């Protein structure tokens, strides 16, 4: 089969590799119907995730059709079309039982790490994928939900919802600021609306993305290159700052921006993946009573979000800006990697 293989920082290629095989009774083999590229894949290619070894097939999102099942699999059948969660869950350990799938203690990949696709085991940017813990790590695609929509549910919608909105404790009437209007930031904006905030402010250096964010539910936008960007944000509150500031980029500057605009007793939720140390001025912040949260998505709300998509409450189609054939993945990486020029959000690759 063909797959997108990581060969070390800055190096990748579309290679011939062996077909995956069933290794454990709880495995299934899936023929990929659609997959995508994540900002985390770009971090891997920059060398920010050293656990990813050369030779690894990248990708952790997608929808596919089951072609083979392990002997212990009883609730899935060959021919089922399924969403592959970006987080694998054994379903039996203490973390899984508490919904903290990101720290699944299963032995696949590494015990204590639920993100294994494209990280610790071969991933989804391939023609076929072996899926461990299949019964507790995939979701059957219901009638009316497309494979393309399912791809958006693999990662970015649960990530924005869980790590941004839920960890940020968004509640009715809140003023919420999302710093970074890329795909995950937009997913945070889209799902924050489920909780009834009074304002959702999109903040980004790209004026196009700020404007684009309004289609996802942002009520206001601020271009962060403006010299008075902070004053603009504060003016949209009671003068004390936002109730919830959500970081969706993954650099120190944007994390500091969140600290600069959050009100006393507010919440800062870090969603971005950071590849370098970040300054945290605890000596100044301790007196402000703010809560700071961070984490890796658990995808424990994927089923809920899938139901909302099926009912038309969330529209995942607006996240998809470009479509490619799976074999054109190198071109797709180029387009996604130059998002500021190409206006790329999610690029979907279809088999």
Protein backbone atom coordinates (compact mmCIF):
# COMPACT_ATOMS: atom_id res chain seq x y z
CA UNK A 1 0.00 0.00 0.00
CA UNK A 2 0.94 3.68 -0.14
CA UNK A 3 1.44 5.86 2.93
CA UNK A 4 2.91 9.21 3.98
CA UNK A 5 6.13 8.35 5.84
CA UNK A 6 8.12 10.60 8.19
CA UNK A 7 11.89 10.39 7.59
CA UNK A 8 13.06 12.86 10.22
CA UNK A 9 12.56 16.62 10.70
CA UNK A 10 11.67 18.30 7.42
CA UNK A 11 11.51 15.03 5.46
CA UNK A 12 8.48 13.05 4.34
CA UNK A 13 7.49 11.01 1.29
CA UNK A 14 4.59 9.04 -0.23
CA UNK A 15 6.03 5.52 -0.08
CA UNK A 16 5.22 1.90 -0.77
CA UNK A 17 4.96 0.16 2.61
CA UNK A 18 3.68 -3.24 3.82
CA UNK A 19 -0.06 -3.62 4.35
CA UNK A 20 -1.06 -3.59 8.05
CA UNK A 21 -2.05 -6.87 9.69
CA UNK A 22 -4.17 -7.83 12.70
CA UNK A 23 -1.81 -8.07 15.68
CA UNK A 24 -4.23 -8.23 18.61
CA UNK A 25 -7.70 -9.80 18.91
CA UNK A 26 -9.18 -6.33 19.54
CA UNK A 27 -7.78 -4.87 16.28
CA UNK A 28 -9.55 -4.07 13.04
CA UNK A 29 -8.10 -3.14 9.66
CA UNK A 30 -9.66 -0.10 8.01
CA UNK A 31 -9.44 1.00 4.39
CA UNK A 32 -9.21 4.78 4.60
CA UNK A 33 -11.98 6.70 2.83
CA UNK A 34 -10.88 10.18 3.96
CA UNK A 35 -8.16 11.67 6.11
CA UNK A 36 -6.64 15.09 6.75
CA UNK A 37 -3.56 16.96 7.95
CA UNK A 38 -3.33 18.48 11.43
CA UNK A 39 -1.21 21.28 12.78
CA UNK A 40 0.36 18.63 15.01
CA UNK A 41 1.69 16.91 11.89
CA UNK A 42 3.49 20.14 11.03
CA UNK A 43 4.92 20.23 14.57
CA UNK A 44 6.22 16.68 14.02
CA UNK A 45 7.89 17.70 10.77
CA UNK A 46 9.54 20.63 12.56
CA UNK A 47 11.03 18.20 15.08
CA UNK A 48 8.82 19.40 17.95
CA UNK A 49 7.66 15.85 18.81
CA UNK A 50 10.86 13.80 19.21
CA UNK A 51 8.95 10.63 20.16
CA UNK A 52 7.98 10.27 16.48
CA UNK A 53 10.67 8.09 14.93
CA UNK A 54 11.77 8.05 11.28
CA UNK A 55 9.76 5.49 9.34
CA UNK A 56 6.50 6.33 11.08
CA UNK A 57 3.35 6.72 8.96
CA UNK A 58 1.83 10.07 9.92
CA UNK A 59 -1.80 11.07 10.57
CA UNK A 60 -4.27 10.60 13.39
CA UNK A 61 -7.64 11.56 11.86
CA UNK A 62 -9.92 9.90 9.40
CA UNK A 63 -12.90 7.85 8.32
CA UNK A 64 -12.65 4.41 6.79
CA UNK A 65 -14.39 1.15 6.06
CA UNK A 66 -13.56 -1.96 8.06
CA UNK A 67 -12.08 -4.74 5.93
CA UNK A 68 -10.99 -7.21 8.64
CA UNK A 69 -11.77 -7.73 12.33
CA UNK A 70 -9.90 -9.38 15.18
CA UNK A 71 -11.27 -12.47 16.92
CA UNK A 72 -12.42 -10.53 20.02
CA UNK A 73 -14.35 -7.86 18.09
CA UNK A 74 -18.12 -8.43 18.36
CA UNK A 75 -19.76 -5.00 17.94
CA UNK A 76 -18.17 -4.08 14.60
CA UNK A 77 -18.44 -5.79 11.24
CA UNK A 78 -16.62 -5.84 7.95
CA UNK A 79 -18.19 -3.10 5.83
CA UNK A 80 -18.90 -0.70 8.73
CA UNK A 81 -17.83 2.85 7.96
CA UNK A 82 -16.27 4.37 11.07
CA UNK A 83 -14.70 7.54 12.43
CA UNK A 84 -11.25 6.88 13.84
CA UNK A 85 -10.77 8.84 17.04
CA UNK A 86 -7.40 10.57 17.24
CA UNK A 87 -7.12 9.09 20.75
CA UNK A 88 -7.08 5.33 21.26
CA UNK A 89 -8.74 3.96 24.41
CA UNK A 90 -8.48 0.45 25.83
CA UNK A 91 -11.74 1.10 27.70
CA UNK A 92 -10.62 -0.93 30.72
CA UNK A 93 -7.98 1.03 32.63
CA UNK A 94 -8.72 3.53 35.39
CA UNK A 95 -8.11 6.55 33.16
CA UNK A 96 -10.42 5.25 30.44
CA UNK A 97 -13.15 4.53 32.96
CA UNK A 98 -12.96 8.17 34.06
CA UNK A 99 -13.04 9.46 30.48
CA UNK A 100 -9.35 10.44 30.47
CA UNK A 101 -8.57 8.47 27.33
CA UNK A 102 -5.56 10.66 26.58
CA UNK A 103 -3.71 8.79 29.33
CA UNK A 104 -4.94 5.28 28.53
CA UNK A 105 -2.77 2.73 30.29
CA UNK A 106 -3.08 0.18 27.51
CA UNK A 107 0.19 -1.24 26.24
CA UNK A 108 -0.29 -0.15 22.61
CA UNK A 109 2.33 2.47 21.72
CA UNK A 110 3.25 3.46 25.27
CA UNK A 111 1.28 2.96 28.47
CA UNK A 112 -0.12 6.29 29.63
CA UNK A 113 -0.37 7.91 26.19
CA UNK A 114 -3.65 7.73 24.28
CA UNK A 115 -2.41 9.62 21.22
CA UNK A 116 -0.67 6.82 19.37
CA UNK A 117 -1.72 7.14 15.68
CA UNK A 118 1.01 8.86 13.70
CA UNK A 119 2.94 9.27 16.93
CA UNK A 120 3.83 5.92 18.50
CA UNK A 121 2.24 3.60 15.92
CA UNK A 122 1.53 3.99 12.22
CA UNK A 123 -1.20 6.48 11.43
CA UNK A 124 -4.04 7.32 9.10
CA UNK A 125 -2.37 9.04 6.14
CA UNK A 126 -2.32 5.73 4.32
CA UNK A 127 -4.49 3.47 2.22
CA UNK A 128 -5.04 1.02 5.12
CA UNK A 129 -4.68 1.35 8.90
CA UNK A 130 -4.54 -1.08 11.80
CA UNK A 131 -6.82 0.22 14.56
CA UNK A 132 -6.10 -1.04 18.10
CA UNK A 133 -8.85 -1.24 20.76
CA UNK A 134 -11.30 -0.85 17.91
CA UNK A 135 -14.55 -1.25 19.81
CA UNK A 136 -13.68 1.62 22.16
CA UNK A 137 -11.79 3.81 19.67
CA UNK A 138 -14.06 4.14 16.62
CA UNK A 139 -17.57 5.48 16.03
CA UNK A 140 -19.92 4.14 13.40
CA UNK A 141 -20.84 6.82 10.89
CA UNK A 142 -24.62 7.36 11.01
CA UNK A 143 -26.76 7.82 7.94
CA UNK A 144 -26.62 11.43 6.75
CA UNK A 145 -23.13 12.16 8.08
CA UNK A 146 -20.50 12.13 5.34
CA UNK A 147 -16.96 10.80 5.54
CA UNK A 148 -15.69 14.36 5.11
CA UNK A 149 -17.75 15.52 8.09
CA UNK A 150 -16.54 12.56 10.11
CA UNK A 151 -12.93 13.59 9.55
CA UNK A 152 -13.59 16.92 11.29
CA UNK A 153 -14.96 14.96 14.25
CA UNK A 154 -11.79 12.86 14.60
CA UNK A 155 -9.83 15.59 16.36
CA UNK A 156 -10.43 19.31 15.96
CA UNK A 157 -14.06 19.51 17.09
CA UNK A 158 -13.47 17.42 20.26
CA UNK A 159 -10.20 19.27 20.93
CA UNK A 160 -11.77 22.72 20.71
CA UNK A 161 -14.78 21.60 22.72
CA UNK A 162 -13.01 19.70 25.47
CA UNK A 163 -9.70 21.51 25.99
CA UNK A 164 -10.92 24.98 25.07
CA UNK A 165 -14.59 25.25 26.00
CA UNK A 166 -15.03 22.69 28.78
CA UNK A 167 -11.63 23.20 30.42
CA UNK A 168 -12.22 26.95 30.11
CA UNK A 169 -15.57 26.56 31.94
CA UNK A 170 -17.49 28.62 29.39
CA UNK A 171 -20.96 29.39 30.74
CA UNK A 172 -24.01 31.43 29.71
CA UNK A 173 -23.30 35.15 29.48
CA UNK A 174 -19.51 34.85 29.41
CA UNK A 175 -17.26 36.93 27.20
CA UNK A 176 -14.88 34.49 25.53
CA UNK A 177 -11.74 35.36 23.57
CA UNK A 178 -10.08 32.80 21.30
CA UNK A 179 -6.50 33.67 20.35
CA UNK A 180 -5.75 31.96 17.06
CA UNK A 181 -8.37 31.44 14.35
CA UNK A 182 -6.88 28.37 12.73
CA UNK A 183 -8.86 25.11 12.48
CA UNK A 184 -8.73 24.29 16.21
CA UNK A 185 -9.47 27.88 17.20
CA UNK A 186 -12.45 27.88 14.87
CA UNK A 187 -13.61 24.57 16.36
CA UNK A 188 -13.41 26.21 19.78
CA UNK A 189 -15.46 29.14 18.56
CA UNK A 190 -18.06 26.85 16.95
CA UNK A 191 -18.54 24.69 20.06
CA UNK A 192 -18.44 27.57 22.56
CA UNK A 193 -21.78 28.67 21.16
CA UNK A 194 -23.34 25.54 22.66
CA UNK A 195 -22.87 27.09 26.12
CA UNK A 196 -24.47 30.50 25.57
CA UNK A 197 -21.65 33.04 25.88
CA UNK A 198 -22.69 36.66 25.32
CA UNK A 199 -19.68 37.40 23.11
CA UNK A 200 -17.04 35.31 21.37
CA UNK A 201 -14.05 37.36 20.20
CA UNK A 202 -11.76 35.93 17.52
CA UNK A 203 -8.18 37.25 17.74
CA UNK A 204 -5.62 36.55 15.03
CA UNK A 205 -2.79 38.27 13.20
CA UNK A 206 -4.51 37.44 9.90
CA UNK A 207 -7.40 39.82 9.17
CA UNK A 208 -8.90 37.30 6.74
CA UNK A 209 -9.12 34.64 9.45
CA UNK A 210 -10.64 37.11 11.89
CA UNK A 211 -13.36 37.88 9.39
CA UNK A 212 -13.77 34.21 8.50
CA UNK A 213 -14.29 33.35 12.18
CA UNK A 214 -17.65 35.11 12.16
CA UNK A 215 -19.07 32.32 10.00
CA UNK A 216 -18.14 29.91 12.81
CA UNK A 217 -19.91 31.86 15.54
CA UNK A 218 -17.55 34.66 16.53
CA UNK A 219 -19.52 37.79 17.39
CA UNK A 220 -16.47 40.08 17.22
CA UNK A 221 -12.97 40.09 15.79
CA UNK A 222 -9.67 41.76 16.61
CA UNK A 223 -6.52 41.78 14.46
CA UNK A 224 -3.66 41.23 16.88
CA UNK A 225 -1.16 43.21 14.80
CA UNK A 226 -3.12 46.37 15.70
CA UNK A 227 -1.19 48.38 18.28
CA UNK A 228 -4.33 48.72 20.40
CA UNK A 229 -5.53 45.12 20.08
CA UNK A 230 -5.65 44.65 23.86
CA UNK A 231 -7.64 47.84 24.41
CA UNK A 232 -10.10 46.70 21.73
CA UNK A 233 -10.68 43.45 23.58
CA UNK A 234 -11.03 45.05 27.01
CA UNK A 235 -13.54 47.55 25.57
CA UNK A 236 -15.80 44.60 24.72
CA UNK A 237 -15.99 43.66 28.40
CA UNK A 238 -16.91 45.63 31.52
CA UNK A 239 -13.36 46.95 31.51
CA UNK A 240 -11.99 44.11 33.61
CA UNK A 241 -11.17 41.59 30.91
CA UNK A 242 -12.70 38.47 29.38
CA UNK A 243 -14.18 35.66 31.43
CA UNK A 244 -12.42 32.99 29.35
CA UNK A 245 -9.27 33.37 27.24
CA UNK A 246 -8.42 30.41 25.04
CA UNK A 247 -4.98 29.94 23.46
CA UNK A 248 -5.17 28.04 20.16
CA UNK A 249 -1.78 28.63 18.53
CA UNK A 250 0.99 27.11 20.62
CA UNK A 251 3.59 29.87 21.09
CA UNK A 252 4.60 31.91 24.10
CA UNK A 253 3.39 35.22 22.68
CA UNK A 254 -0.20 34.05 22.25
CA UNK A 255 -0.24 32.44 25.69
CA UNK A 256 0.90 35.75 27.17
CA UNK A 257 -1.87 37.51 25.24
CA UNK A 258 -4.40 35.34 27.06
CA UNK A 259 -2.86 36.25 30.41
CA UNK A 260 -3.03 39.93 29.44
CA UNK A 261 -6.77 39.96 28.72
CA UNK A 262 -8.28 37.58 31.27
CA UNK A 263 -10.18 39.15 34.16
CA UNK A 264 -9.50 38.36 37.84
CA UNK A 265 -11.03 34.97 38.71
CA UNK A 266 -11.27 34.16 35.00
CA UNK A 267 -10.10 31.11 33.09
CA UNK A 268 -7.24 30.61 30.64
CA UNK A 269 -7.45 27.41 28.60
CA UNK A 270 -4.38 26.44 26.60
CA UNK A 271 -5.25 24.34 23.55
CA UNK A 272 -2.20 24.97 21.35
CA UNK A 273 0.69 22.52 21.07
CA UNK A 274 3.85 24.20 22.35
CA UNK A 275 7.23 23.17 21.00
CA UNK A 276 9.31 25.47 23.21
CA UNK A 277 9.29 26.63 26.86
CA UNK A 278 6.82 29.38 27.81
CA UNK A 279 7.30 32.02 30.47
CA UNK A 280 4.67 31.90 33.21
CA UNK A 281 4.83 35.01 35.46
CA UNK A 282 3.44 33.36 38.57
CA UNK A 283 4.85 36.14 40.73
CA UNK A 284 2.38 38.53 39.10
CA UNK A 285 -0.53 36.18 38.54
CA UNK A 286 -0.97 34.52 41.92
CA UNK A 287 -3.02 37.41 43.25
CA UNK A 288 -5.43 37.39 40.27
CA UNK A 289 -7.21 34.15 41.17
CA UNK A 290 -7.19 32.94 37.59
CA UNK A 291 -7.41 29.29 36.60
CA UNK A 292 -5.07 27.96 33.91
CA UNK A 293 -5.79 24.66 32.20
CA UNK A 294 -4.19 22.61 29.45
CA UNK A 295 -4.28 19.13 28.09
CA UNK A 296 -4.47 16.57 25.35
CA UNK A 297 -7.96 15.88 24.00
CA UNK A 298 -9.73 12.79 25.39
CA UNK A 299 -12.39 12.59 22.63
CA UNK A 300 -14.85 11.53 25.34
CA UNK A 301 -17.35 14.00 23.81
CA UNK A 302 -16.93 12.78 20.22
CA UNK A 303 -20.18 10.82 20.43
CA UNK A 304 -22.10 13.87 21.67
CA UNK A 305 -20.65 16.06 18.92
CA UNK A 306 -21.45 13.40 16.34
CA UNK A 307 -25.09 13.47 17.45
CA UNK A 308 -25.14 17.27 17.14
CA UNK A 309 -23.66 17.06 13.63
CA UNK A 310 -26.23 14.43 12.66
CA UNK A 311 -29.01 16.76 13.86
CA UNK A 312 -27.61 19.77 12.03
CA UNK A 313 -26.69 21.64 15.21
CA UNK A 314 -23.01 21.85 14.18
CA UNK A 315 -21.93 22.25 10.56
CA UNK A 316 -18.51 20.64 9.99
CA UNK A 317 -18.56 21.35 6.24
CA UNK A 318 -17.47 24.95 6.75
CA UNK A 319 -14.11 23.75 8.11
CA UNK A 320 -13.09 22.17 4.79
CA UNK A 321 -11.32 24.58 2.45
CA UNK A 322 -9.44 22.24 0.10
CA UNK A 323 -9.94 18.72 -1.22
CA UNK A 324 -7.32 16.37 -2.69
CA UNK A 325 -6.98 12.79 -3.78
CA UNK A 326 -5.06 10.75 -1.19
CA UNK A 327 -2.22 10.27 -3.65
CA UNK A 328 -1.76 14.05 -3.85
CA UNK A 329 -0.88 14.31 -0.16
CA UNK A 330 2.50 15.99 -0.75
CA UNK A 331 0.72 18.83 -2.56
CA UNK A 332 -1.86 18.93 0.23
CA UNK A 333 0.91 19.35 2.84
CA UNK A 334 2.32 22.24 0.83
CA UNK A 335 -1.06 23.97 0.68
CA UNK A 336 -1.78 23.36 4.39
CA UNK A 337 1.71 24.45 5.43
CA UNK A 338 1.24 27.80 3.63
CA UNK A 339 -2.20 28.46 5.12
CA UNK A 340 -1.59 32.20 5.44
CA UNK A 341 -1.17 32.38 1.65
CA UNK A 342 -3.57 29.64 0.55
CA UNK A 343 -6.35 30.41 3.08
CA UNK A 344 -6.35 26.72 4.00
CA UNK A 345 -8.36 25.47 6.97
CA UNK A 346 -8.88 21.72 6.84
CA UNK A 347 -7.67 19.90 3.76
CA UNK A 348 -9.47 16.61 3.16
CA UNK A 349 -7.81 13.75 1.30
CA UNK A 350 -10.16 11.20 -0.19
CA UNK A 351 -9.22 7.73 -1.39
